[in-house]
Every structure is written in structure tokens, then in C-alpha cells.
């Protein structure tokens, strides 16, 4: 299954909800949502900086990842960026594909 990382930045409303609900409960809810969409939550980490949380999940595909991202963004409680993760094997397969790309000026 493909892996995805979500970079989540809470709004003020989202922070208030997190303070009320608790961090462990938030992670459990995201695990449940991920499972309900055919996936598995691999990790949920809070962080300092511009990104408040990093979430790593396996999901059946891009459509499931997009659906979850849209739901989070539409809630107004967090901004979210979805990053599709690739394995070393996938990168090795990609490097073997001849794309025909020619750099500008070449």
C-alpha cells in the first residue's frame, strides 16, 4: 500500500479543540479514520515549529489520502499538506525509466 505523510498546522480553533480533547485522543481518532478508509496509521508525532503534527499512514491510494486531506482542510481546524512517500525500491525503479528529458539550453 502507498504511504503518505500529512503535515498538519492547527488553527487557533484546532488548538483549542486539541487542548480540550487531548493529544492521545486525537491520534486515536485519526487512526480510526485511517482504518475506516482501508489504511493503517503508522505514526503520529507532534512537533515544534510551523508544522504542529506529522502523521504517517498507509492507504489504498491517492483517492483515500485526498479524501482525508479534504475533510481535515474543510473542517477549518487545521491546514494540511499531503506528501506521498516512496520506498527505496520505488526510487530505484524510477531512476531506471528513461524520460527523454532535455535540460534547457542543452
C-alpha atoms as a PDB file:
ATOM      1  CA  UNK A   1       0.000   0.000   0.000  1.00  0.00           C
ATOM      2  CA  UNK A   2       1.238   3.536  -0.691  1.00  0.00           C
ATOM      3  CA  UNK A   3       2.457   5.630   2.227  1.00  0.00           C
ATOM      4  CA  UNK A   4       1.530   9.237   2.886  1.00  0.00           C
ATOM      5  CA  UNK A   5       2.730  11.866   5.314  1.00  0.00           C
ATOM      6  CA  UNK A   6       0.470  14.691   6.394  1.00  0.00           C
ATOM      7  CA  UNK A   7       1.995  17.882   7.684  1.00  0.00           C
ATOM      8  CA  UNK A   8      -0.650  19.464   9.885  1.00  0.00           C
ATOM      9  CA  UNK A   9      -0.752  23.039  11.172  1.00  0.00           C
ATOM     10  CA  UNK A  10      -3.571  23.735  13.612  1.00  0.00           C
ATOM     11  CA  UNK A  11      -5.611  26.933  13.546  1.00  0.00           C
ATOM     12  CA  UNK A  12      -6.464  28.633  16.852  1.00  0.00           C
ATOM     13  CA  UNK A  13      -9.753  26.714  16.817  1.00  0.00           C
ATOM     14  CA  UNK A  14      -7.881  23.458  16.245  1.00  0.00           C
ATOM     15  CA  UNK A  15      -5.521  24.154  19.157  1.00  0.00           C
ATOM     16  CA  UNK A  16      -8.495  24.829  21.436  1.00  0.00           C
ATOM     17  CA  UNK A  17     -10.013  21.505  20.372  1.00  0.00           C
ATOM     18  CA  UNK A  18      -6.724  19.700  20.960  1.00  0.00           C
ATOM     19  CA  UNK A  19      -6.423  21.246  24.433  1.00  0.00           C
ATOM     20  CA  UNK A  20      -9.970  20.111  25.258  1.00  0.00           C
ATOM     21  CA  UNK A  21      -9.805  16.657  23.625  1.00  0.00           C
ATOM     22  CA  UNK A  22      -6.200  15.669  24.348  1.00  0.00           C
ATOM     23  CA  UNK A  23      -3.356  14.581  22.095  1.00  0.00           C
ATOM     24  CA  UNK A  24      -3.752  10.819  22.601  1.00  0.00           C
ATOM     25  CA  UNK A  25      -7.440  11.007  21.739  1.00  0.00           C
ATOM     26  CA  UNK A  26      -6.645  12.982  18.560  1.00  0.00           C
ATOM     27  CA  UNK A  27      -4.156  10.320  17.435  1.00  0.00           C
ATOM     28  CA  UNK A  28      -6.664   7.542  18.195  1.00  0.00           C
ATOM     29  CA  UNK A  29      -9.339   9.318  16.161  1.00  0.00           C
ATOM     30  CA  UNK A  30      -7.001   9.707  13.181  1.00  0.00           C
ATOM     31  CA  UNK A  31      -6.096   6.000  13.472  1.00  0.00           C
ATOM     32  CA  UNK A  32      -9.808   5.155  13.346  1.00  0.00           C
ATOM     33  CA  UNK A  33     -10.415   7.408  10.333  1.00  0.00           C
ATOM     34  CA  UNK A  34      -7.415   5.915   8.530  1.00  0.00           C
ATOM     35  CA  UNK A  35      -8.613   2.360   9.232  1.00  0.00           C
ATOM     36  CA  UNK A  36     -12.124   3.289   8.091  1.00  0.00           C
ATOM     37  CA  UNK A  37     -10.632   4.281   4.742  1.00  0.00           C
ATOM     38  CA  UNK A  38      -8.786   0.983   4.331  1.00  0.00           C
ATOM     39  CA  UNK A  39      -5.456   2.078   5.775  1.00  0.00           C
ATOM     40  CA  UNK A  40      -3.165   1.891   8.769  1.00  0.00           C
ATOM     41  CA  UNK A  41      -1.797   4.735  10.891  1.00  0.00           C
ATOM     42  CA  UNK A  42       1.969   4.200  11.205  1.00  0.00           C
ATOM     43  CA  UNK A  43       2.870   7.223  13.281  1.00  0.00           C
ATOM     44  CA  UNK A  44       1.514  10.425  14.756  1.00  0.00           C
ATOM     45  CA  UNK A  45       4.003  12.934  16.093  1.00  0.00           C
ATOM     46  CA  UNK A  46       3.577  16.432  17.453  1.00  0.00           C
ATOM     47  CA  UNK A  47       6.397  18.879  16.737  1.00  0.00           C
ATOM     48  CA  UNK A  48       7.705  22.363  17.366  1.00  0.00           C
ATOM     49  CA  UNK A  49       7.756  24.862  14.507  1.00  0.00           C
ATOM     50  CA  UNK A  50       5.439  25.734  11.643  1.00  0.00           C
ATOM     51  CA  UNK A  51       4.132  22.160  11.452  1.00  0.00           C
ATOM     52  CA  UNK A  52       2.261  21.058  14.577  1.00  0.00           C
ATOM     53  CA  UNK A  53       1.920  17.372  13.708  1.00  0.00           C
ATOM     54  CA  UNK A  54       3.374  14.826  11.310  1.00  0.00           C
ATOM     55  CA  UNK A  55       1.142  11.865  10.505  1.00  0.00           C
ATOM     56  CA  UNK A  56       2.308   8.842   8.516  1.00  0.00           C
ATOM     57  CA  UNK A  57      -0.239   6.388   7.109  1.00  0.00           C
ATOM     58  CA  UNK A  58      -0.575   3.574   4.624  1.00  0.00           C
ATOM     59  CA  UNK A  59      -3.690   3.954   2.483  1.00  0.00           C
ATOM     60  CA  UNK A  60      -5.109   2.106  -0.532  1.00  0.00           C
ATOM     61  CA  UNK A  61      -4.303   5.012  -2.845  1.00  0.00           C
ATOM     62  CA  UNK A  62      -4.350   8.686  -3.683  1.00  0.00           C
ATOM     63  CA  UNK A  63      -8.132   8.974  -3.574  1.00  0.00           C
ATOM     64  CA  UNK A  64      -8.340   7.872   0.072  1.00  0.00           C
ATOM     65  CA  UNK A  65      -5.456  10.186   1.006  1.00  0.00           C
ATOM     66  CA  UNK A  66      -7.123  13.087  -0.787  1.00  0.00           C
ATOM     67  CA  UNK A  67     -10.478  12.398   0.887  1.00  0.00           C
ATOM     68  CA  UNK A  68      -8.937  12.567   4.353  1.00  0.00           C
ATOM     69  CA  UNK A  69      -6.935  15.684   3.441  1.00  0.00           C
ATOM     70  CA  UNK A  70     -10.051  17.402   2.115  1.00  0.00           C
ATOM     71  CA  UNK A  71     -12.028  16.562   5.253  1.00  0.00           C
ATOM     72  CA  UNK A  72      -9.324  17.997   7.506  1.00  0.00           C
ATOM     73  CA  UNK A  73      -8.924  21.147   5.410  1.00  0.00           C
ATOM     74  CA  UNK A  74     -12.687  21.690   5.146  1.00  0.00           C
ATOM     75  CA  UNK A  75     -13.043  21.495   8.929  1.00  0.00           C
ATOM     76  CA  UNK A  76     -11.232  24.817   9.299  1.00  0.00           C
ATOM     77  CA  UNK A  77      -9.322  23.492  12.304  1.00  0.00           C
ATOM     78  CA  UNK A  78      -6.057  22.764  10.506  1.00  0.00           C
ATOM     79  CA  UNK A  79      -4.084  23.370   7.380  1.00  0.00           C
ATOM     80  CA  UNK A  80      -2.770  20.176   5.839  1.00  0.00           C
ATOM     81  CA  UNK A  81      -0.154  19.236   3.263  1.00  0.00           C
ATOM     82  CA  UNK A  82      -0.106  15.707   1.863  1.00  0.00           C
ATOM     83  CA  UNK A  83       3.224  14.166   0.872  1.00  0.00           C
ATOM     84  CA  UNK A  84       3.283  10.837  -0.954  1.00  0.00           C
ATOM     85  CA  UNK A  85       6.218   8.784   0.294  1.00  0.00           C
ATOM     86  CA  UNK A  86       8.271   6.461  -1.908  1.00  0.00           C
ATOM     87  CA  UNK A  87      10.303   3.428  -0.887  1.00  0.00           C
ATOM     88  CA  UNK A  88      13.930   2.944  -1.975  1.00  0.00           C
ATOM     89  CA  UNK A  89      12.704   0.229  -4.362  1.00  0.00           C
ATOM     90  CA  UNK A  90      10.267   2.639  -5.983  1.00  0.00           C
ATOM     91  CA  UNK A  91      13.033   5.217  -6.396  1.00  0.00           C
ATOM     92  CA  UNK A  92      15.304   2.590  -7.979  1.00  0.00           C
ATOM     93  CA  UNK A  93      12.505   1.696 -10.402  1.00  0.00           C
ATOM     94  CA  UNK A  94      12.028   5.396 -11.210  1.00  0.00           C
ATOM     95  CA  UNK A  95      15.710   6.025 -11.849  1.00  0.00           C
ATOM     96  CA  UNK A  96      15.680   3.255 -14.438  1.00  0.00           C
ATOM     97  CA  UNK A  97      12.982   4.940 -16.553  1.00  0.00           C
ATOM     98  CA  UNK A  98      14.281   6.951 -19.478  1.00  0.00           C
ATOM     99  CA  UNK A  99      12.039  10.013 -19.678  1.00  0.00           C
ATOM    100  CA  UNK A 100      13.591  11.800 -22.627  1.00  0.00           C
ATOM    101  CA  UNK A 101      14.004  14.999 -20.611  1.00  0.00           C
ATOM    102  CA  UNK A 102      16.434  17.549 -22.088  1.00  0.00           C
ATOM    103  CA  UNK A 103      17.616  20.414 -19.800  1.00  0.00           C
ATOM    104  CA  UNK A 104      17.072  23.982 -21.006  1.00  0.00           C
ATOM    105  CA  UNK A 105      19.926  25.162 -23.202  1.00  0.00           C
ATOM    106  CA  UNK A 106      21.249  21.668 -23.837  1.00  0.00           C
END
